Protein backbone atom coordinates (compact mmCIF):
# COMPACT_ATOMS: atom_id res chain seq x y z
CA MET A 1 -111.19 -109.42 -127.00
CA LYS A 2 -112.86 -112.78 -127.63
CA TYR A 3 -112.66 -113.55 -123.91
CA PHE A 4 -114.31 -110.23 -123.08
CA GLN A 5 -117.14 -110.82 -125.57
CA ASN A 6 -117.89 -114.20 -123.95
CA ASP A 7 -117.88 -112.49 -120.57
CA LEU A 8 -120.28 -109.85 -121.90
CA ALA A 9 -122.64 -112.42 -123.42
CA ILE A 10 -122.75 -114.49 -120.22
CA GLY A 11 -123.43 -111.38 -118.17
CA LEU A 12 -126.29 -110.28 -120.41
CA VAL A 13 -127.94 -113.72 -120.38
CA ALA A 14 -127.68 -113.96 -116.61
CA THR A 15 -129.14 -110.50 -116.21
CA ALA A 16 -132.08 -111.37 -118.51
CA LEU A 17 -132.91 -114.52 -116.55
CA ALA A 18 -132.72 -112.72 -113.22
CA THR A 19 -134.86 -109.82 -114.35
CA SER A 20 -137.54 -112.16 -115.72
CA TYR A 21 -137.90 -113.76 -112.30
CA ILE A 22 -137.98 -110.43 -110.51
CA LEU A 23 -140.59 -109.11 -112.96
CA ILE A 24 -142.96 -111.93 -111.95
CA LEU A 25 -142.25 -111.39 -108.26
CA THR A 26 -142.72 -107.62 -108.50
CA PHE A 27 -146.05 -108.08 -110.25
CA LEU A 28 -147.28 -110.40 -107.52
CA LEU A 29 -146.19 -108.04 -104.74
CA SER A 30 -147.14 -104.71 -106.31
CA ASP A 31 -149.81 -102.46 -104.82
CA THR A 32 -152.94 -101.67 -106.74
CA HIS A 33 -153.20 -98.04 -107.84
CA ILE A 34 -156.57 -97.64 -106.18
CA ALA A 35 -155.83 -97.13 -102.52
CA PHE A 36 -155.86 -94.24 -100.08
CA LEU A 37 -152.58 -92.39 -100.15
CA SER A 38 -150.32 -90.64 -97.70
CA THR A 39 -146.84 -89.09 -97.79
CA ASN A 40 -143.49 -90.15 -96.43
CA SER A 41 -140.70 -87.60 -96.84
CA ARG A 42 -140.74 -86.49 -100.50
CA TRP A 43 -142.73 -89.50 -101.67
CA ILE A 44 -146.42 -90.34 -102.06
CA VAL A 45 -147.15 -93.77 -100.62
CA ASN A 46 -149.94 -96.29 -100.14
CA ALA A 47 -151.42 -95.37 -96.75
CA ASN A 48 -151.67 -99.03 -95.73
CA SER A 49 -148.51 -100.66 -97.07
CA GLY A 50 -146.19 -97.64 -97.07
CA ARG A 51 -145.01 -98.50 -100.58
CA ARG A 52 -144.53 -95.70 -103.05
CA VAL A 53 -147.27 -94.83 -105.54
CA LYS A 54 -146.11 -92.58 -108.37
CA LEU A 55 -148.56 -90.17 -110.00
CA ALA A 56 -148.34 -90.14 -113.79
CA CYS A 57 -151.47 -88.21 -114.70
CA ILE A 58 -153.36 -86.51 -117.48
CA ASN A 59 -155.51 -83.39 -117.08
CA TRP A 60 -159.20 -83.63 -118.01
CA PRO A 61 -161.08 -80.32 -117.68
CA GLY A 62 -164.59 -80.22 -116.28
CA HIS A 63 -164.60 -76.63 -115.01
CA MET A 64 -165.63 -74.76 -118.16
CA ASN A 65 -169.02 -73.12 -118.85
CA PRO A 66 -171.15 -76.29 -119.32
CA LEU A 67 -169.54 -77.92 -116.22
CA VAL A 68 -169.30 -81.27 -118.01
CA PRO A 69 -165.97 -83.06 -118.54
CA GLU A 70 -164.86 -82.31 -122.09
CA GLY A 71 -165.37 -84.63 -125.02
CA LEU A 72 -168.27 -86.75 -123.83
CA HIS A 73 -170.22 -85.66 -126.92
CA LYS A 74 -167.57 -87.18 -129.18
CA LYS A 75 -166.69 -90.47 -127.53
CA PRO A 76 -168.34 -92.91 -125.12
CA LEU A 77 -167.15 -92.49 -121.55
CA ARG A 78 -165.99 -96.11 -121.26
CA ASN A 79 -163.81 -95.65 -124.37
CA ILE A 80 -162.20 -92.50 -123.01
CA THR A 81 -161.33 -94.11 -119.70
CA LYS A 82 -159.94 -97.20 -121.43
CA ASP A 83 -157.85 -94.98 -123.69
CA ILE A 84 -156.38 -93.14 -120.72
CA ALA A 85 -155.26 -96.40 -119.14
CA THR A 86 -153.95 -97.73 -122.46
CA MET A 87 -151.87 -94.57 -122.92
CA GLY A 88 -150.02 -95.48 -119.73
CA PHE A 89 -151.43 -92.90 -117.33
CA ASN A 90 -152.44 -94.05 -113.87
CA CYS A 91 -154.46 -91.03 -112.77
CA VAL A 92 -156.55 -88.11 -113.95
CA ARG A 93 -156.47 -84.55 -112.65
CA LEU A 94 -160.17 -83.78 -113.09
CA THR A 95 -160.93 -80.08 -112.79
CA TRP A 96 -164.07 -78.56 -111.27
CA ALA A 97 -165.54 -75.17 -110.47
CA THR A 98 -166.63 -74.12 -106.98
CA GLU A 99 -170.02 -72.83 -108.11
CA MET A 100 -171.07 -76.26 -109.37
CA PHE A 101 -171.37 -77.21 -105.69
CA THR A 102 -172.36 -73.87 -104.12
CA ASN A 103 -174.64 -72.13 -106.63
CA LYS A 104 -178.24 -73.36 -106.38
CA ALA A 105 -178.71 -72.73 -110.10
CA TYR A 106 -176.52 -75.75 -110.78
CA ALA A 107 -177.87 -78.06 -108.07
CA ASN A 108 -180.40 -79.88 -110.22
CA LEU A 109 -179.24 -78.80 -113.67
CA THR A 110 -178.94 -81.75 -116.02
CA VAL A 111 -176.34 -82.21 -118.73
CA ALA A 112 -179.01 -81.71 -121.39
CA GLN A 113 -180.15 -78.46 -119.77
CA SER A 114 -176.59 -77.19 -119.36
CA LEU A 115 -175.74 -77.79 -123.02
CA GLU A 116 -179.02 -76.17 -124.07
CA ARG A 117 -178.30 -73.22 -121.80
CA TRP A 118 -175.17 -72.49 -123.82
CA ASN A 119 -176.89 -73.25 -127.14
CA LEU A 120 -174.55 -76.16 -127.79
CA VAL A 121 -176.83 -77.95 -130.22
CA ALA A 122 -174.18 -80.12 -131.87
CA ALA A 123 -172.71 -81.11 -128.50
CA SER A 124 -176.16 -82.07 -127.26
CA PHE A 125 -176.75 -84.23 -130.32
CA GLY A 126 -173.32 -85.87 -129.95
CA MET A 127 -173.90 -86.50 -126.25
CA SER A 128 -177.21 -88.21 -126.96
CA LEU A 129 -175.41 -90.54 -129.37
CA ASN A 130 -172.24 -91.30 -127.40
CA ASN A 131 -173.38 -91.02 -123.79
CA PRO A 132 -177.18 -90.96 -123.76
CA ASP A 133 -177.32 -92.14 -120.13
CA LEU A 134 -175.70 -88.86 -119.05
CA MET A 135 -178.19 -86.51 -120.66
CA ASN A 136 -180.70 -86.55 -117.79
CA LYS A 137 -178.17 -86.78 -115.01
CA THR A 138 -177.33 -83.69 -113.00
CA LEU A 139 -173.91 -82.14 -113.38
CA ILE A 140 -172.79 -83.55 -110.01
CA GLU A 141 -174.16 -86.99 -110.85
CA THR A 142 -172.27 -86.86 -114.13
CA GLN A 143 -169.02 -86.05 -112.35
CA LYS A 144 -169.59 -89.02 -110.05
CA THR A 145 -170.31 -91.25 -113.04
CA VAL A 146 -167.08 -90.16 -114.72
CA ILE A 147 -165.11 -90.84 -111.54
CA ASP A 148 -166.67 -94.29 -111.20
CA ALA A 149 -165.72 -95.06 -114.81
CA LEU A 150 -162.13 -93.97 -114.15
CA GLY A 151 -162.04 -96.14 -111.03
CA HIS A 152 -163.26 -99.08 -113.08
CA GLU A 153 -160.05 -98.76 -115.11
CA ASN A 154 -157.99 -98.61 -111.91
CA LEU A 155 -157.24 -94.94 -112.50
CA MET A 156 -156.78 -92.59 -109.56
CA VAL A 157 -158.53 -89.20 -109.56
CA ILE A 158 -157.26 -85.87 -108.28
CA LEU A 159 -160.10 -83.36 -107.98
CA ASP A 160 -158.65 -79.97 -108.81
CA ASN A 161 -160.53 -76.83 -107.77
CA HIS A 162 -159.65 -74.94 -110.93
CA VAL A 163 -161.88 -71.85 -110.69
CA SER A 164 -164.84 -70.51 -108.75
CA PHE A 165 -166.88 -69.04 -111.62
CA PRO A 166 -166.91 -71.57 -114.50
CA ILE A 167 -164.81 -70.06 -117.30
CA TRP A 168 -161.52 -70.69 -119.06
CA CYS A 169 -158.51 -70.27 -116.81
CA CYS A 170 -156.34 -68.31 -116.42
CA ASP A 171 -155.80 -64.59 -116.82
CA TRP A 172 -154.02 -62.20 -114.48
CA ASN A 173 -157.14 -60.24 -113.63
CA ASP A 174 -160.09 -62.51 -114.48
CA GLY A 175 -161.78 -62.30 -111.08
CA ASN A 176 -160.98 -65.96 -110.32
CA GLY A 177 -157.34 -65.52 -109.40
CA PHE A 178 -157.01 -64.86 -105.67
CA PHE A 179 -158.98 -64.79 -102.45
CA LYS A 180 -161.51 -61.93 -102.31
CA ASP A 181 -161.45 -61.39 -106.07
CA LEU A 182 -164.78 -60.72 -107.80
CA HIS A 183 -165.65 -64.43 -108.18
CA PHE A 184 -163.36 -65.86 -105.51
CA HIS A 185 -165.15 -65.62 -102.17
CA PRO A 186 -163.20 -67.47 -99.44
CA VAL A 187 -166.32 -68.62 -97.52
CA GLU A 188 -167.93 -70.02 -100.65
CA TRP A 189 -164.62 -71.64 -101.67
CA VAL A 190 -164.32 -73.41 -98.30
CA GLN A 191 -167.94 -74.52 -98.60
CA GLY A 192 -167.21 -76.00 -102.01
CA LEU A 193 -164.14 -77.86 -100.77
CA SER A 194 -166.10 -79.25 -97.81
CA THR A 195 -168.94 -80.41 -100.03
CA VAL A 196 -166.65 -82.18 -102.48
CA ALA A 197 -164.58 -83.79 -99.73
CA LYS A 198 -167.73 -85.11 -98.06
CA LEU A 199 -169.23 -86.30 -101.33
CA TYR A 200 -166.26 -88.56 -102.06
CA LYS A 201 -165.53 -89.72 -98.54
CA GLY A 202 -164.76 -93.43 -98.59
CA ASN A 203 -164.25 -93.49 -102.37
CA PRO A 204 -160.70 -94.82 -102.94
CA THR A 205 -160.68 -93.63 -106.56
CA VAL A 206 -160.51 -90.01 -105.35
CA VAL A 207 -157.04 -89.93 -103.84
CA ALA A 208 -156.50 -86.17 -103.59
CA ILE A 209 -158.14 -82.77 -103.63
CA SER A 210 -156.19 -79.84 -104.99
CA LEU A 211 -157.23 -76.71 -103.11
CA ARG A 212 -156.86 -74.22 -105.95
CA ASN A 213 -155.34 -73.90 -109.38
CA GLU A 214 -152.94 -71.08 -110.32
CA LEU A 215 -153.36 -68.41 -107.64
CA ARG A 216 -152.48 -65.11 -109.28
CA GLY A 217 -153.42 -61.50 -109.86
CA PRO A 218 -152.87 -58.10 -108.29
CA ARG A 219 -154.39 -59.12 -104.94
CA GLN A 220 -152.10 -62.09 -104.30
CA ASN A 221 -150.12 -61.91 -101.06
CA GLU A 222 -148.51 -64.34 -98.65
CA PHE A 223 -150.58 -63.37 -95.57
CA ASP A 224 -153.89 -64.34 -97.16
CA TRP A 225 -152.28 -67.39 -98.76
CA TYR A 226 -151.30 -68.87 -95.39
CA GLN A 227 -154.64 -68.03 -93.78
CA PHE A 228 -156.90 -69.43 -96.45
CA MET A 229 -154.81 -72.42 -97.51
CA GLU A 230 -154.82 -73.58 -93.90
CA GLU A 231 -158.59 -73.02 -93.74
CA GLY A 232 -159.14 -74.92 -96.97
CA ALA A 233 -157.00 -77.89 -95.94
CA THR A 234 -158.70 -78.08 -92.55
CA ALA A 235 -162.14 -77.99 -94.19
CA VAL A 236 -161.23 -80.86 -96.51
CA HIS A 237 -159.91 -83.04 -93.72
CA LEU A 238 -162.79 -82.36 -91.38
CA GLU A 239 -164.93 -84.14 -93.97
CA ASN A 240 -162.48 -86.59 -95.49
CA VAL A 241 -159.26 -87.60 -93.74
CA ASP A 242 -158.24 -90.05 -96.46
CA VAL A 243 -157.44 -87.69 -99.33
CA LEU A 244 -154.16 -85.98 -100.04
CA VAL A 245 -154.33 -82.19 -99.85
CA ILE A 246 -152.51 -80.58 -102.79
CA VAL A 247 -151.45 -76.97 -102.30
CA SER A 248 -150.37 -74.50 -104.97
CA GLY A 249 -148.19 -71.44 -104.54
CA LEU A 250 -148.37 -67.96 -106.03
CA SER A 251 -147.81 -66.46 -109.49
CA PHE A 252 -149.57 -69.13 -111.56
CA GLU A 253 -148.05 -71.92 -109.44
CA THR A 254 -144.44 -70.90 -110.07
CA ASP A 255 -143.53 -69.59 -106.62
CA LEU A 256 -143.19 -71.46 -103.32
CA THR A 257 -140.08 -69.60 -102.20
CA PHE A 258 -141.83 -68.02 -99.19
CA LEU A 259 -142.05 -71.47 -97.59
CA ARG A 260 -138.36 -71.19 -96.79
CA GLN A 261 -139.27 -68.64 -94.12
CA ARG A 262 -142.48 -70.22 -92.84
CA LYS A 263 -143.90 -73.69 -93.40
CA LEU A 264 -147.54 -74.57 -93.64
CA ASN A 265 -148.60 -76.43 -90.53
CA PHE A 266 -151.83 -78.38 -90.73
CA GLY A 267 -151.15 -80.63 -87.74
CA VAL A 268 -149.83 -84.19 -87.74
CA ASN A 269 -152.83 -85.83 -89.38
CA VAL A 270 -152.83 -83.40 -92.30
CA ASN A 271 -149.08 -82.92 -92.67
CA ASN A 272 -148.63 -86.52 -93.82
CA LYS A 273 -151.22 -85.78 -96.49
CA LEU A 274 -149.61 -82.58 -97.80
CA VAL A 275 -148.36 -82.30 -101.39
CA TYR A 276 -147.25 -79.10 -103.11
CA GLU A 277 -147.88 -78.50 -106.78
CA ALA A 278 -146.26 -76.42 -109.51
CA HIS A 279 -146.73 -75.58 -113.18
CA TRP A 280 -144.10 -75.20 -115.87
CA TYR A 281 -144.86 -73.95 -119.38
CA ALA A 282 -142.77 -72.23 -122.03
CA PHE A 283 -145.34 -69.46 -122.63
CA ALA A 284 -143.27 -66.67 -121.13
CA ASP A 285 -139.89 -67.88 -122.37
CA PRO A 286 -138.21 -66.09 -125.27
CA PRO A 287 -138.42 -68.66 -128.12
CA GLU A 288 -134.97 -67.74 -129.38
CA LYS A 289 -133.50 -68.86 -126.05
CA TRP A 290 -134.81 -72.39 -126.54
CA ILE A 291 -133.85 -72.50 -130.22
CA PHE A 292 -130.40 -70.87 -130.22
CA SER A 293 -129.17 -71.37 -126.63
CA THR A 294 -130.75 -74.74 -125.90
CA ASN A 295 -128.04 -76.08 -123.57
CA GLU A 296 -127.72 -72.98 -121.44
CA PHE A 297 -131.40 -72.13 -121.31
CA CYS A 298 -132.49 -75.63 -120.29
CA ALA A 299 -129.93 -75.50 -117.48
CA GLU A 300 -131.06 -72.04 -116.38
CA ILE A 301 -134.79 -72.74 -116.47
CA THR A 302 -134.37 -76.10 -114.72
CA GLU A 303 -132.38 -74.41 -111.95
CA TRP A 304 -135.09 -71.74 -111.74
CA PHE A 305 -137.85 -74.36 -111.42
CA MET A 306 -136.00 -76.22 -108.68
CA SER A 307 -135.21 -73.04 -106.75
CA GLN A 308 -138.77 -71.69 -107.03
CA THR A 309 -140.81 -74.81 -106.32
CA GLY A 310 -138.96 -78.11 -106.73
CA TYR A 311 -136.64 -77.44 -103.80
CA VAL A 312 -139.33 -78.64 -101.34
CA ILE A 313 -138.29 -82.25 -101.99
CA TYR A 314 -134.86 -81.48 -100.52
CA GLU A 315 -135.85 -79.44 -97.47
CA ARG A 316 -135.08 -80.55 -93.92
CA SER A 317 -138.64 -81.85 -93.80
CA PRO A 318 -139.13 -82.88 -97.45
CA THR A 319 -142.54 -82.68 -99.10
CA PRO A 320 -143.64 -84.18 -102.43
CA ILE A 321 -143.90 -81.82 -105.39
CA PHE A 322 -146.47 -82.51 -108.10
CA LEU A 323 -145.87 -80.90 -111.51
CA SER A 324 -149.59 -80.74 -112.15
CA GLU A 325 -149.42 -78.91 -115.47
CA PHE A 326 -146.92 -78.83 -118.31
CA GLY A 327 -147.32 -79.47 -122.01
CA LYS A 328 -146.72 -78.36 -125.55
CA ASP A 329 -148.37 -77.97 -128.94
CA GLN A 330 -148.57 -81.62 -129.96
CA ASN A 331 -148.86 -80.66 -133.61
CA GLY A 332 -145.14 -79.85 -133.36
CA ALA A 333 -145.67 -76.32 -134.64
CA SER A 334 -143.37 -74.70 -132.08
CA GLU A 335 -139.70 -75.70 -132.16
CA ALA A 336 -139.14 -73.78 -128.93
CA GLU A 337 -141.85 -75.83 -127.18
CA ASN A 338 -140.46 -79.06 -128.63
CA ARG A 339 -137.08 -78.34 -127.01
CA TYR A 340 -138.66 -77.17 -123.76
CA PHE A 341 -140.61 -80.43 -123.53
CA ILE A 342 -137.43 -82.52 -123.85
CA CYS A 343 -135.87 -80.44 -121.06
CA VAL A 344 -138.88 -81.15 -118.84
CA MET A 345 -138.70 -84.88 -119.59
CA ALA A 346 -135.06 -84.92 -118.49
CA LEU A 347 -135.86 -83.20 -115.18
CA LEU A 348 -138.86 -85.44 -114.45
CA ALA A 349 -136.73 -88.54 -114.96
CA ASP A 350 -133.79 -87.20 -112.99
CA LYS A 351 -135.90 -86.31 -109.94
CA ASP A 352 -138.64 -88.91 -110.55
CA LEU A 353 -141.34 -86.33 -109.86
CA GLU A 354 -145.10 -86.77 -109.77
CA TRP A 355 -146.73 -85.10 -112.78
CA ALA A 356 -149.83 -84.41 -114.85
CA LEU A 357 -149.67 -83.56 -118.54
CA TRP A 358 -151.87 -80.85 -119.99
CA ALA A 359 -154.01 -82.23 -121.47
CA MET A 360 -156.27 -85.02 -122.69
CA GLN A 361 -158.97 -83.11 -124.59
CA GLY A 362 -158.74 -82.54 -128.32
CA SER A 363 -161.42 -79.85 -128.17
CA TYR A 364 -163.75 -77.94 -125.86
CA TYR A 365 -167.54 -77.68 -125.93
CA LEU A 366 -167.10 -73.94 -125.51
CA ARG A 367 -164.02 -71.88 -124.74
CA GLU A 368 -163.90 -68.09 -124.51
CA GLY A 369 -167.05 -67.78 -126.60
CA GLN A 370 -165.92 -70.16 -129.36
CA VAL A 371 -167.77 -73.41 -129.91
CA GLU A 372 -165.60 -76.48 -130.56
CA TRP A 373 -162.30 -74.77 -129.82
CA GLU A 374 -159.44 -77.11 -130.77
CA GLU A 375 -156.81 -77.84 -128.11
CA PRO A 376 -153.40 -78.38 -129.78
CA TYR A 377 -151.95 -79.46 -126.42
CA GLY A 378 -154.42 -82.35 -126.26
CA MET A 379 -153.56 -86.04 -126.51
CA TYR A 380 -156.68 -86.57 -128.60
CA SER A 381 -157.20 -85.17 -132.07
CA PHE A 382 -159.93 -82.60 -132.61
CA ALA A 383 -162.45 -85.38 -133.36
CA TRP A 384 -161.30 -87.46 -130.35
CA ASP A 385 -160.97 -90.42 -132.72
CA LYS A 386 -157.18 -90.88 -132.55
CA ILE A 387 -154.05 -89.83 -130.70
CA ARG A 388 -152.85 -86.48 -131.99
CA ASN A 389 -149.14 -87.34 -131.77
CA SER A 390 -148.16 -90.86 -130.78
CA SER A 391 -144.51 -89.87 -130.31
CA ILE A 392 -145.55 -88.12 -127.08
CA LEU A 393 -146.31 -91.52 -125.56
CA GLN A 394 -142.79 -92.70 -126.32
CA LEU A 395 -141.31 -89.53 -124.86
CA MET A 396 -143.19 -90.17 -121.60
CA GLU A 397 -142.51 -93.92 -121.37
CA LEU A 398 -139.77 -93.79 -118.72
CA ASN A 399 -141.52 -91.12 -116.70
CA GLN A 400 -144.71 -93.16 -116.54
CA GLN A 401 -142.76 -95.70 -114.49
CA MET A 402 -141.57 -95.59 -110.90
CA ILE A 403 -137.85 -94.90 -111.25
CA GLN A 404 -136.94 -94.66 -107.57
CA ASP A 405 -138.52 -96.94 -104.99
CA PRO A 406 -137.68 -95.73 -101.46
CA THR A 407 -138.71 -99.03 -99.89
CA SER A 408 -136.76 -101.27 -102.25
CA GLU A 409 -133.83 -103.26 -100.89
CA TYR A 410 -132.32 -103.76 -104.32
CA ALA A 411 -129.07 -102.05 -105.25
CA SER A 412 -129.24 -98.88 -107.32
CA TYR A 413 -127.75 -98.54 -110.79
CA TYR A 414 -127.95 -96.05 -113.64
CA ALA A 415 -130.18 -96.04 -116.69
CA MET A 416 -128.86 -94.05 -119.64
CA TYR A 417 -131.78 -91.99 -120.91
CA HIS A 418 -132.05 -90.15 -124.22
CA PRO A 419 -134.83 -87.61 -123.56
CA GLN A 420 -135.21 -86.49 -127.18
CA THR A 421 -136.50 -89.93 -128.14
CA GLY A 422 -137.74 -91.09 -124.74
CA ARG A 423 -135.65 -94.23 -125.17
CA CYS A 424 -132.91 -95.79 -123.08
CA VAL A 425 -129.45 -96.99 -124.06
CA SER A 426 -128.99 -100.74 -124.15
CA VAL A 427 -126.50 -103.31 -125.43
CA ASN A 428 -127.49 -105.96 -127.92
CA LYS A 429 -124.73 -108.33 -129.12
CA ASN A 430 -122.15 -105.67 -128.29
CA ASN A 431 -124.05 -103.05 -130.30
CA VAL A 432 -124.92 -99.98 -128.25
CA THR A 433 -128.33 -98.77 -129.28
CA THR A 434 -131.55 -97.27 -127.93
CA SER A 435 -134.62 -99.29 -127.05
CA SER A 436 -137.74 -99.15 -124.93
CA CYS A 437 -137.29 -97.94 -121.36
CA HIS A 438 -139.62 -100.65 -120.06
CA ARG A 439 -136.57 -102.86 -119.55
CA LEU A 440 -133.57 -100.87 -118.40
CA GLN A 441 -129.95 -101.74 -119.15
CA ARG A 442 -127.90 -101.41 -115.96
CA TRP A 443 -124.96 -99.07 -116.08
CA GLY A 444 -122.43 -98.22 -113.41
CA PHE A 445 -121.04 -94.74 -112.91
CA GLU A 446 -119.06 -92.96 -110.20
CA TYR A 447 -118.80 -89.24 -110.77
CA ASP A 448 -115.34 -87.71 -110.95
CA GLU A 449 -114.82 -84.18 -112.26
CA ASN A 450 -111.74 -85.42 -114.10
CA GLY A 451 -113.74 -88.08 -115.92
CA SER A 452 -115.44 -91.36 -115.11
CA ARG A 453 -115.94 -94.82 -116.53
CA ILE A 454 -119.40 -95.91 -117.60
CA THR A 455 -119.51 -99.62 -116.90
CA LEU A 456 -121.94 -102.29 -118.01
CA VAL A 457 -123.16 -103.88 -114.79
CA GLY A 458 -122.58 -107.61 -114.65
CA THR A 459 -119.59 -107.50 -117.00
CA SER A 460 -116.06 -106.13 -116.99
CA GLY A 461 -116.84 -103.84 -119.93
CA CYS A 462 -116.87 -100.06 -120.28
CA LEU A 463 -118.41 -97.70 -122.80
CA THR A 464 -115.60 -96.77 -125.21
CA VAL A 465 -115.03 -94.33 -128.07
CA VAL A 466 -113.99 -95.99 -131.32
CA ALA A 467 -113.66 -93.04 -133.70
CA ASP A 468 -115.38 -89.91 -134.94
CA LYS A 469 -118.82 -90.73 -136.39
CA ALA A 470 -118.42 -94.40 -135.44
CA PRO A 471 -120.64 -96.42 -133.10
CA VAL A 472 -119.42 -96.66 -129.51
CA LYS A 473 -118.61 -100.08 -128.12
CA VAL A 474 -118.50 -101.83 -124.79
CA THR A 475 -114.91 -103.08 -124.45
CA GLY A 476 -112.46 -104.27 -121.84
CA ASP A 477 -110.51 -101.01 -122.19
CA CYS A 478 -111.57 -99.24 -119.01
CA SER A 479 -108.48 -97.14 -118.26
CA SER A 480 -107.72 -95.08 -121.37
CA GLN A 481 -109.02 -91.67 -122.35
CA LYS A 482 -111.39 -93.41 -124.80
CA SER A 483 -113.43 -94.72 -121.86
CA THR A 484 -113.12 -91.67 -119.60
CA TRP A 485 -116.32 -89.66 -119.85
CA LYS A 486 -117.13 -86.15 -118.66
CA PHE A 487 -120.39 -84.25 -118.45
CA VAL A 488 -119.92 -81.10 -120.50
CA SER A 489 -122.18 -78.13 -121.32
CA LYS A 490 -124.34 -76.39 -118.76
CA SER A 491 -127.14 -78.81 -119.47
CA LYS A 492 -125.00 -81.61 -117.95
CA MET A 493 -126.40 -83.86 -120.64
CA HIS A 494 -123.47 -84.01 -123.06
CA LEU A 495 -121.14 -86.93 -122.33
CA ALA A 496 -117.71 -86.48 -123.92
CA ALA A 497 -114.56 -88.61 -124.15
CA ARG A 498 -111.41 -88.37 -126.30
CA ASP A 499 -110.43 -90.58 -129.19
CA GLU A 500 -106.91 -91.79 -129.89
CA LYS A 501 -106.06 -88.45 -131.52
CA GLY A 502 -107.14 -86.51 -128.44
CA MET A 503 -110.30 -85.13 -130.06
CA ASP A 504 -113.27 -84.55 -127.74
CA LEU A 505 -116.29 -86.43 -129.02
CA CYS A 506 -119.82 -86.56 -127.62
CA LEU A 507 -122.31 -89.39 -127.54
CA GLU A 508 -124.99 -88.94 -130.17
CA TRP A 509 -128.15 -90.77 -131.18
CA ASP A 510 -128.03 -91.82 -134.84
CA SER A 511 -131.55 -91.43 -136.22
CA LEU A 512 -130.85 -93.77 -139.15
CA ASN A 513 -130.48 -96.93 -137.08
CA SER A 514 -130.95 -95.85 -133.44
CA THR A 515 -127.34 -96.71 -132.61
CA ILE A 516 -125.18 -94.55 -130.36
CA VAL A 517 -122.21 -92.97 -132.09
CA THR A 518 -119.69 -90.31 -131.15
CA ASN A 519 -119.46 -87.04 -133.01
CA LYS A 520 -118.23 -83.50 -132.65
CA CYS A 521 -119.98 -81.94 -129.68
CA LEU A 522 -122.87 -79.78 -130.88
CA CYS A 523 -123.15 -76.16 -129.76
CA LEU A 524 -119.93 -76.45 -127.75
CA GLY A 525 -116.63 -74.74 -128.44
CA ASP A 526 -113.17 -76.31 -128.51
CA ASP A 527 -113.02 -75.80 -124.73
CA LEU A 528 -116.33 -77.71 -124.42
CA GLY A 529 -118.03 -74.54 -123.19
CA ASP A 530 -121.47 -73.59 -124.51
CA LEU A 531 -121.54 -71.38 -127.57
CA PRO A 532 -123.63 -68.23 -126.97
CA TRP A 533 -125.56 -68.77 -130.23
CA CYS A 534 -126.03 -72.04 -132.09
CA SER A 535 -128.38 -72.93 -134.95
CA GLN A 536 -128.03 -76.69 -134.43
CA ASN A 537 -130.18 -78.78 -132.12
CA PRO A 538 -127.87 -80.32 -129.49
CA GLN A 539 -130.61 -82.56 -128.05
CA THR A 540 -129.55 -85.48 -130.25
CA GLN A 541 -126.51 -85.54 -127.94
CA TRP A 542 -128.40 -85.24 -124.67
CA PHE A 543 -128.07 -88.24 -122.41
CA LYS A 544 -129.06 -88.39 -118.76
CA LEU A 545 -127.70 -90.94 -116.32
CA ILE A 546 -130.74 -91.68 -114.16
CA LEU A 547 -130.19 -93.28 -110.77
CA THR A 548 -132.75 -96.03 -110.26
CA ASN A 549 -133.41 -99.18 -108.27
CA LYS A 550 -136.11 -100.41 -110.63
CA HIS A 551 -136.12 -104.19 -110.84
CA TYR A 552 -138.00 -106.73 -112.93
């Protein structure tokens, strides 16, 4: 045992030295975020170097009634953009309404006039204090100023055509949902896309234009979808060949299944700029499913997401998928949403998807007739003076990083991810614990349905059960049942092995000291099958082995 511990210590020291060198080298060779982008297979890449650029974005609405990005009456623009970068995001999905660029009534309307138009007296006063230079700028000039400020912080911008008529989105039959609806005129929509594409031609901060948010409603159909999406994409690229074209599906961005029968074809120059997008919320899910059948429901809803939209990354001609909206009540009021969010984090890490969290804003100038509507999904508090829930940043830490680099020549390994905390499993002086995912411990794993070893790369050690409720250890015992691990439960996030008595025990995060222990498997029966109803939260025992080639 003493020999093994020396071996382990030497391996960890050597790994630390090597990763320090690689971290310096990677920094020197890394691409800047601000660059025109393209696609290669399922990845978004720098159009010049071909190296992957991952989108880890936050939504910032600018499509509502006043047509001014939210919150500028509560905080200086430069402070907001600095905050976004400090939070770890590298891009902003900035929403806009078609009529801001097509309706003459908005052409020369200033911010001050727009706020006055909606009788937003307090917002006008706040704007004059926090961003006085914006008051006399037109709405379009203000959008450009915001984009320039984001670019100054090296943040990419995705311009999302959220609605045509500037209102809150989205309802099934709100007149903004599908082509030829009351407010959704295809000719005007194409005009708006063309105008925006031309306006930001040559601006490397604007890396993508999303053609339309959440197509929906009783008029939606595949025939019109193909016709007008192709028209919209063509219009964008006639004016601006540099931007990515992001395309949404049907049914509130939850359905791209029809692409299995017929692909979009924009031509060679546009096809390598094509990205699909999807949304995933827990709004329509029965809360009791998340709370009492957490394992099964996460597995089912993840499979549904991948079969409806996410599958495009695995097609014969793969295309990137951008989860452009997901989120939860950051006040923690909904236990169902809390569990849903952990499920989403696990999928994002497993597939290393591009994403954009809803949302940044802590409040709205005006939403559905209510002044200063609070947004519980927002990163900011209502006053925009602090982060609403700092634990969200920890939950997103791994997913804000590039996990898979398709151009890397380094060997792949596994990171062991605990999505409930957003932390990764590491070894410190033979103690197995959780720590920041900024520096990943390297684990080895070869799947076998009869059980597999989880090895610590660079050593001869394996993850081993000690006893019920005891911390796991890395030992030289790599052949017994105590170091033979199986994925159990439908979630495929319980890892179980047997102790000396033959009892099945699952890995578990100990909240008292952040160590990893083994315990009775939660919400699983004696056969390790999922219980149909369980009042416990099994997510303390969720661990995901994430394949990565991330190096330092």
